[in-house]
N, C-alpha and C. Protein backbone atom coordinates (compact mmCIF):
# COMPACT_ATOMS: atom_id res chain seq x y z
N UNK A 1 -36.34 15.82 -19.70
CA UNK A 1 -37.39 16.33 -19.65
C UNK A 1 -38.02 16.67 -18.46
N UNK A 2 -37.89 16.27 -17.43
CA UNK A 2 -38.01 16.51 -16.06
C UNK A 2 -37.10 18.04 -15.49
N UNK A 3 -36.13 18.11 -16.03
CA UNK A 3 -35.36 19.29 -15.62
C UNK A 3 -36.10 20.54 -16.63
N UNK A 4 -36.70 20.29 -17.64
CA UNK A 4 -37.16 21.55 -18.74
C UNK A 4 -38.72 21.74 -17.75
N UNK A 5 -39.27 20.64 -17.40
CA UNK A 5 -40.30 21.33 -16.75
C UNK A 5 -40.13 21.71 -15.43
N UNK A 6 -39.15 21.44 -14.55
CA UNK A 6 -38.83 22.16 -13.43
C UNK A 6 -38.35 23.89 -13.59
N UNK A 7 -37.62 24.01 -14.82
CA UNK A 7 -37.24 24.99 -15.16
C UNK A 7 -38.69 26.14 -16.19
N UNK A 8 -39.56 25.30 -17.00
CA UNK A 8 -40.59 26.12 -17.04
C UNK A 8 -41.55 27.00 -15.91
N UNK A 9 -41.61 25.62 -14.86
CA UNK A 9 -42.59 25.55 -13.29
C UNK A 9 -41.83 27.16 -12.86
N UNK A 10 -41.07 27.16 -12.87
CA UNK A 10 -39.74 28.01 -12.08
C UNK A 10 -39.98 29.28 -12.87
N UNK A 11 -39.43 29.63 -14.11
CA UNK A 11 -40.31 30.71 -14.97
C UNK A 11 -41.75 31.22 -14.91
N UNK A 12 -42.69 30.16 -14.76
CA UNK A 12 -43.75 30.86 -14.57
C UNK A 12 -43.93 31.19 -13.08
N UNK A 13 -43.24 30.47 -11.93
CA UNK A 13 -43.45 31.27 -10.84
C UNK A 13 -43.20 32.58 -10.23
N UNK A 14 -41.60 32.66 -11.11
CA UNK A 14 -40.81 34.07 -11.34
C UNK A 14 -41.99 35.12 -11.82
N UNK A 15 -42.41 34.91 -13.21
CA UNK A 15 -43.79 36.13 -13.49
C UNK A 15 -44.45 35.83 -12.75
N UNK A 16 -45.02 35.37 -12.11
CA UNK A 16 -46.36 35.80 -11.25
C UNK A 16 -46.03 36.35 -10.23
N UNK A 17 -44.64 36.23 -9.53
CA UNK A 17 -44.11 36.78 -8.58
C UNK A 17 -43.67 38.36 -8.75
N UNK A 18 -43.51 38.62 -10.17
CA UNK A 18 -42.96 40.01 -10.88
C UNK A 18 -44.51 40.60 -11.21
N UNK A 19 -45.43 40.13 -11.78
CA UNK A 19 -46.94 40.37 -11.90
C UNK A 19 -47.76 40.89 -10.39
N UNK A 20 -47.55 40.06 -9.34
CA UNK A 20 -47.46 40.57 -8.16
C UNK A 20 -47.06 41.89 -7.32
N UNK A 21 -45.45 41.66 -7.59
CA UNK A 21 -44.57 42.49 -7.39
C UNK A 21 -44.93 44.05 -7.56
N UNK A 22 -45.47 44.41 -8.97
CA UNK A 22 -45.99 45.48 -10.06
C UNK A 22 -47.20 46.02 -9.37
N UNK A 23 -47.97 45.14 -8.42
CA UNK A 23 -49.05 46.09 -8.11
C UNK A 23 -49.23 46.70 -7.06
N UNK A 24 -49.75 47.84 -7.27
CA UNK A 24 -49.49 48.51 -5.84
C UNK A 24 -49.99 48.04 -4.55
N UNK A 25 -48.89 48.15 -3.22
CA UNK A 25 -49.16 47.37 -1.84
C UNK A 25 -50.45 48.29 -1.40
N UNK A 26 -51.40 48.66 -2.30
CA UNK A 26 -52.60 49.49 -1.27
C UNK A 26 -54.16 49.15 -1.24
N UNK A 27 -54.96 48.90 -0.33
CA UNK A 27 -56.45 48.82 -0.57
C UNK A 27 -56.98 50.06 0.22
N UNK A 28 -58.42 49.42 0.11
CA UNK A 28 -59.48 50.62 0.83
C UNK A 28 -59.92 49.76 1.98
N UNK A 29 -59.78 50.17 2.95
CA UNK A 29 -60.34 49.87 3.92
C UNK A 29 -61.40 51.56 4.71
N UNK A 30 -62.46 51.09 5.15
CA UNK A 30 -63.06 52.47 5.89
C UNK A 30 -63.13 54.13 5.40
N UNK A 31 -62.90 53.78 3.77
CA UNK A 31 -62.70 55.28 3.21
C UNK A 31 -61.60 55.70 2.84
N UNK A 32 -60.29 55.09 3.55
CA UNK A 32 -58.98 55.53 3.28
C UNK A 32 -58.04 54.41 2.52
N UNK A 33 -57.32 54.96 2.07
CA UNK A 33 -56.29 54.09 1.89
C UNK A 33 -54.91 53.64 2.85
N UNK A 34 -54.88 52.20 2.60
CA UNK A 34 -54.11 51.21 3.82
C UNK A 34 -53.13 50.39 3.23
N UNK A 35 -51.83 50.12 3.66
CA UNK A 35 -50.90 49.39 2.97
C UNK A 35 -51.59 47.99 3.36
N UNK A 36 -50.94 46.99 2.91
CA UNK A 36 -51.38 45.16 2.94
C UNK A 36 -51.94 44.99 4.54
N UNK A 37 -51.35 45.45 5.50
CA UNK A 37 -51.19 45.34 6.43
C UNK A 37 -52.75 45.84 7.46
N UNK A 38 -53.20 46.82 6.52
CA UNK A 38 -54.29 47.92 6.89
C UNK A 38 -54.08 49.01 7.66
N UNK A 39 -52.71 49.15 7.70
CA UNK A 39 -52.55 50.37 8.62
C UNK A 39 -52.86 51.73 7.37
N UNK A 40 -53.01 53.01 7.97
CA UNK A 40 -53.34 53.83 7.15
C UNK A 40 -52.07 54.37 6.93
N UNK A 41 -52.75 54.95 5.10
CA UNK A 41 -51.79 55.90 4.47
C UNK A 41 -51.88 57.26 4.47
N UNK A 42 -51.34 58.12 4.58
CA UNK A 42 -51.18 59.27 4.75
C UNK A 42 -50.78 60.39 3.11
N UNK A 43 -51.21 61.60 2.89
CA UNK A 43 -50.75 63.12 1.82
C UNK A 43 -50.08 64.07 2.83
N UNK A 44 -49.31 64.38 2.17
CA UNK A 44 -48.27 65.60 2.71
C UNK A 44 -48.63 66.67 2.04
N UNK A 45 -49.37 68.11 2.47
CA UNK A 45 -49.45 68.88 1.81
C UNK A 45 -48.24 69.51 1.07
N UNK A 46 -46.95 69.42 1.76
CA UNK A 46 -45.76 70.27 1.67
C UNK A 46 -45.09 69.70 -0.03
N UNK A 47 -45.89 68.74 -0.15
CA UNK A 47 -45.17 67.97 -1.53
C UNK A 47 -45.69 68.30 -3.09
N UNK A 48 -44.69 68.98 -3.57
CA UNK A 48 -45.22 69.36 -4.66
C UNK A 48 -46.06 68.75 -5.75
N UNK A 49 -46.79 69.87 -6.05
CA UNK A 49 -48.33 70.27 -6.42
C UNK A 49 -48.21 69.05 -7.71
N UNK A 50 -47.13 69.25 -8.65
CA UNK A 50 -47.17 68.07 -9.89
C UNK A 50 -46.70 66.72 -9.52
N UNK A 51 -46.51 66.47 -8.44
CA UNK A 51 -46.44 65.02 -8.08
C UNK A 51 -45.30 64.72 -8.47
N UNK A 52 -43.89 64.90 -8.50
CA UNK A 52 -42.76 64.43 -8.97
C UNK A 52 -41.76 64.38 -8.07
N UNK A 53 -41.99 64.54 -6.71
CA UNK A 53 -41.23 63.95 -5.75
C UNK A 53 -41.67 64.26 -4.47
N UNK A 54 -41.03 63.45 -3.50
CA UNK A 54 -40.96 63.89 -1.95
C UNK A 54 -40.55 64.94 -1.32
N UNK A 55 -41.28 65.50 -0.77
CA UNK A 55 -40.85 66.81 0.10
C UNK A 55 -40.45 66.35 1.64
N UNK A 56 -40.73 65.27 1.68
CA UNK A 56 -40.46 64.85 3.53
C UNK A 56 -39.48 63.45 3.56
N UNK A 57 -38.36 64.04 3.97
CA UNK A 57 -37.06 63.47 3.57
C UNK A 57 -36.63 63.61 4.93
N UNK A 58 -34.88 62.55 5.61
CA UNK A 58 -34.47 62.93 6.68
C UNK A 58 -35.41 62.40 7.85
N UNK A 59 -36.02 63.27 9.15
CA UNK A 59 -35.84 63.24 10.18
C UNK A 59 -38.03 62.76 9.62
N UNK A 60 -38.08 63.77 9.18
CA UNK A 60 -39.83 63.55 8.66
C UNK A 60 -39.72 62.60 8.36
N UNK A 61 -38.92 61.86 7.46
CA UNK A 61 -39.65 60.65 6.57
C UNK A 61 -39.03 59.23 7.92
N UNK A 62 -38.52 59.62 8.98
CA UNK A 62 -38.36 59.05 10.28
C UNK A 62 -39.68 58.66 10.93
N UNK A 63 -40.31 59.97 10.89
CA UNK A 63 -41.86 59.85 11.26
C UNK A 63 -42.99 59.64 10.40
N UNK A 64 -42.86 59.64 8.85
CA UNK A 64 -43.48 59.34 8.35
C UNK A 64 -43.08 58.55 7.72
N UNK A 65 -43.06 57.18 7.20
CA UNK A 65 -42.00 56.63 6.38
C UNK A 65 -43.27 56.51 5.29
N UNK A 66 -42.29 56.25 4.10
CA UNK A 66 -42.73 56.22 2.59
C UNK A 66 -43.19 54.90 2.28
N UNK A 67 -44.62 54.57 1.73
CA UNK A 67 -44.67 53.63 1.06
C UNK A 67 -43.88 53.26 -0.25
N UNK A 68 -42.79 52.48 0.25
CA UNK A 68 -41.78 52.11 -0.84
C UNK A 68 -42.40 51.59 -2.11
N UNK A 69 -41.72 51.50 -3.23
CA UNK A 69 -41.69 50.66 -4.58
C UNK A 69 -40.44 50.12 -4.73
N UNK A 70 -40.79 49.19 -5.42
CA UNK A 70 -39.37 48.39 -5.52
C UNK A 70 -39.01 48.61 -7.42
N UNK A 71 -37.58 48.28 -7.68
CA UNK A 71 -37.22 48.89 -9.01
C UNK A 71 -38.58 47.96 -9.99
N UNK A 72 -39.02 47.11 -9.21
CA UNK A 72 -39.48 46.22 -10.72
C UNK A 72 -41.23 46.36 -10.75
N UNK A 73 -41.69 47.57 -9.52
CA UNK A 73 -42.97 47.78 -9.79
C UNK A 73 -42.88 49.24 -10.45
N UNK A 74 -44.57 48.90 -11.10
CA UNK A 74 -44.55 50.08 -12.48
C UNK A 74 -46.10 50.61 -11.75
N UNK A 75 -46.37 51.47 -12.56
CA UNK A 75 -47.15 52.37 -12.55
C UNK A 75 -48.41 51.88 -12.88
N UNK A 76 -50.01 51.95 -12.47
CA UNK A 76 -50.93 51.59 -12.57
C UNK A 76 -51.72 52.27 -12.54
N UNK A 77 -53.09 52.35 -13.15
CA UNK A 77 -54.52 53.09 -12.64
C UNK A 77 -54.02 54.57 -12.22
N UNK A 78 -54.37 55.04 -11.04
CA UNK A 78 -54.13 55.99 -10.32
C UNK A 78 -52.89 56.33 -9.13
N UNK A 79 -52.12 55.19 -9.39
CA UNK A 79 -51.02 55.03 -9.14
C UNK A 79 -49.42 55.21 -9.57
N UNK A 80 -48.99 55.97 -9.43
CA UNK A 80 -47.31 56.31 -9.78
C UNK A 80 -46.47 56.41 -9.16
N UNK A 81 -45.29 56.07 -9.05
CA UNK A 81 -43.97 55.99 -8.62
C UNK A 81 -43.28 57.23 -8.90
N UNK A 82 -43.00 57.56 -7.62
CA UNK A 82 -42.04 59.23 -7.47
C UNK A 82 -40.37 59.15 -7.20
N UNK A 83 -39.58 59.33 -7.60
CA UNK A 83 -38.03 59.15 -7.25
C UNK A 83 -37.88 60.00 -5.67
N UNK A 84 -37.25 59.32 -4.98
CA UNK A 84 -37.41 60.37 -3.45
C UNK A 84 -35.48 60.84 -3.62
N UNK A 85 -35.51 61.99 -2.79
CA UNK A 85 -33.67 62.62 -2.78
C UNK A 85 -32.84 61.79 -2.67
N UNK A 86 -32.85 60.32 -2.11
CA UNK A 86 -32.03 59.49 -1.96
C UNK A 86 -32.14 58.46 -3.29
N UNK A 87 -32.97 58.64 -3.90
CA UNK A 87 -32.89 57.36 -5.14
C UNK A 87 -33.71 56.15 -4.97
N UNK A 88 -34.32 55.97 -4.13
CA UNK A 88 -35.36 55.12 -3.37
C UNK A 88 -36.06 55.53 -4.46
N UNK A 89 -37.45 54.77 -4.66
CA UNK A 89 -38.86 54.67 -5.21
C UNK A 89 -39.88 54.41 -3.96
N UNK A 90 -41.21 55.75 -4.28
CA UNK A 90 -42.35 55.60 -3.51
C UNK A 90 -43.82 55.78 -4.03
N UNK A 91 -44.52 54.60 -3.76
CA UNK A 91 -45.83 55.27 -4.55
C UNK A 91 -46.55 56.13 -4.11
N UNK A 92 -47.05 56.50 -5.05
CA UNK A 92 -48.32 58.19 -5.26
C UNK A 92 -49.51 57.56 -5.17
N UNK A 93 -50.49 58.32 -5.30
CA UNK A 93 -51.86 57.77 -5.70
C UNK A 93 -52.58 59.65 -6.13
N UNK A 94 -52.86 59.25 -7.21
CA UNK A 94 -53.00 60.71 -7.76
C UNK A 94 -52.20 62.07 -7.43
N UNK A 95 -51.05 61.81 -7.50
CA UNK A 95 -49.63 62.75 -8.10
C UNK A 95 -49.24 62.94 -6.56
N UNK A 96 -49.88 62.16 -5.43
CA UNK A 96 -49.56 62.69 -4.07
C UNK A 96 -48.69 61.01 -3.42
N UNK A 97 -47.55 61.48 -3.00
CA UNK A 97 -46.93 59.89 -2.34
C UNK A 97 -47.41 59.87 -1.10
N UNK A 98 -47.25 58.21 -1.13
CA UNK A 98 -48.31 58.35 0.17
C UNK A 98 -46.94 57.78 1.04
N UNK A 99 -47.40 57.98 2.51
CA UNK A 99 -46.48 57.71 3.99
C UNK A 99 -47.42 56.53 5.22
N UNK A 100 -46.76 56.24 5.91
CA UNK A 100 -47.64 55.65 7.04
C UNK A 100 -47.00 56.98 8.31
N UNK A 101 -47.68 56.43 9.44
CA UNK A 101 -47.30 57.47 10.71
C UNK A 101 -46.72 56.60 11.73
N UNK A 102 -45.87 56.98 11.82
CA UNK A 102 -45.19 55.79 12.75
C UNK A 102 -45.88 55.55 14.92
N UNK A 103 -46.55 56.47 15.03
CA UNK A 103 -47.99 56.73 15.84
C UNK A 103 -48.98 55.63 15.72
N UNK A 104 -49.39 55.48 14.98
CA UNK A 104 -50.46 54.81 14.87
C UNK A 104 -50.05 53.51 14.88
N UNK A 105 -50.51 52.58 15.59
CA UNK A 105 -50.39 51.38 16.40
C UNK A 105 -51.04 50.25 15.96
N UNK A 106 -51.84 50.39 15.54
CA UNK A 106 -52.54 49.01 14.71
C UNK A 106 -53.81 49.21 13.46
N UNK A 107 -54.18 48.43 12.61
CA UNK A 107 -54.73 48.67 11.68
C UNK A 107 -56.28 49.39 12.12
N UNK A 108 -56.34 50.51 10.81
CA UNK A 108 -57.52 51.27 11.87
C UNK A 108 -57.22 52.36 12.20
N UNK A 109 -55.78 52.40 12.65
CA UNK A 109 -55.87 53.95 13.32
C UNK A 109 -55.34 55.28 12.34
N UNK A 110 -55.65 56.45 12.72
CA UNK A 110 -55.95 57.58 11.88
C UNK A 110 -55.66 58.46 13.35
N UNK A 111 -54.68 58.53 13.72
CA UNK A 111 -54.30 59.27 14.84
C UNK A 111 -53.19 60.11 13.74
N UNK A 112 -52.47 60.32 12.42
CA UNK A 112 -51.89 61.31 11.66
C UNK A 112 -53.02 62.21 10.75
N UNK A 113 -53.82 61.68 10.96
CA UNK A 113 -54.58 62.87 10.26
C UNK A 113 -54.77 64.34 11.06
N UNK A 114 -54.95 65.10 10.25
CA UNK A 114 -54.61 66.62 10.55
C UNK A 114 -53.48 67.08 11.55
N UNK A 115 -51.95 66.29 11.42
CA UNK A 115 -51.08 66.84 12.09
C UNK A 115 -50.75 67.62 11.46
N UNK A 116 -50.22 68.44 12.24
CA UNK A 116 -49.56 70.24 12.09
C UNK A 116 -50.45 71.01 10.51
N UNK A 117 -51.48 70.41 10.71
CA UNK A 117 -52.83 71.26 9.69
C UNK A 117 -52.10 70.41 8.07
N UNK A 118 -51.01 69.78 7.86
CA UNK A 118 -50.46 69.56 6.41
C UNK A 118 -50.51 67.69 6.18
N UNK A 119 -51.03 66.95 6.81
CA UNK A 119 -51.34 65.72 7.00
C UNK A 119 -52.60 65.04 6.50
N UNK A 120 -52.96 64.18 5.78
CA UNK A 120 -54.18 63.67 5.76
C UNK A 120 -54.79 62.23 5.41
N UNK A 121 -54.89 61.75 5.76
CA UNK A 121 -55.79 60.48 4.95
C UNK A 121 -55.74 60.82 3.59
N UNK A 122 -55.17 59.14 3.20
CA UNK A 122 -55.05 59.09 1.87
C UNK A 122 -56.40 58.37 1.30
N UNK A 123 -57.52 59.12 0.26
CA UNK A 123 -58.76 58.71 0.29
C UNK A 123 -58.68 58.28 -1.34
N UNK A 124 -59.13 57.60 -1.95
CA UNK A 124 -59.69 56.66 -2.98
C UNK A 124 -60.28 57.76 -3.50
C-alpha cells in the first residue's frame, strides 16, 4: 500500500510539473513582457509576418537569445511556439518570436528597444 501511495504521489507531482512547464514563461511588468527573472523580452521586425519561424539565428541569436520552449510546452492564449532553423522551439506572442538582449544587465533594463530600428520591447 505504501509503494502504491508513493507511486500515486509521484505521478501527481509529475503531472504538476508537466502542467507548469506547459505555461508560457512570460510575465508583464511595467507594460512590457518579461521572462520569469524579470528580463525584458523583445520582438524582431525581420521575423516573418506569418509567425512561422525566427529570422534571428547564428550570431544574431548569440546577441538576441530566443526565449526557448521545451518539447512538452504547448501554445496557450496569444502564445505560440515556433520551430527554429536548428529544430529547437521558441516562444512567440501574437505570432512574434520572443527574444532577450545580452546587453540588458538587470531586470527592468530595456536597452534593446529600438536597436537598429528593428528590435522592440514586446508588449501585451
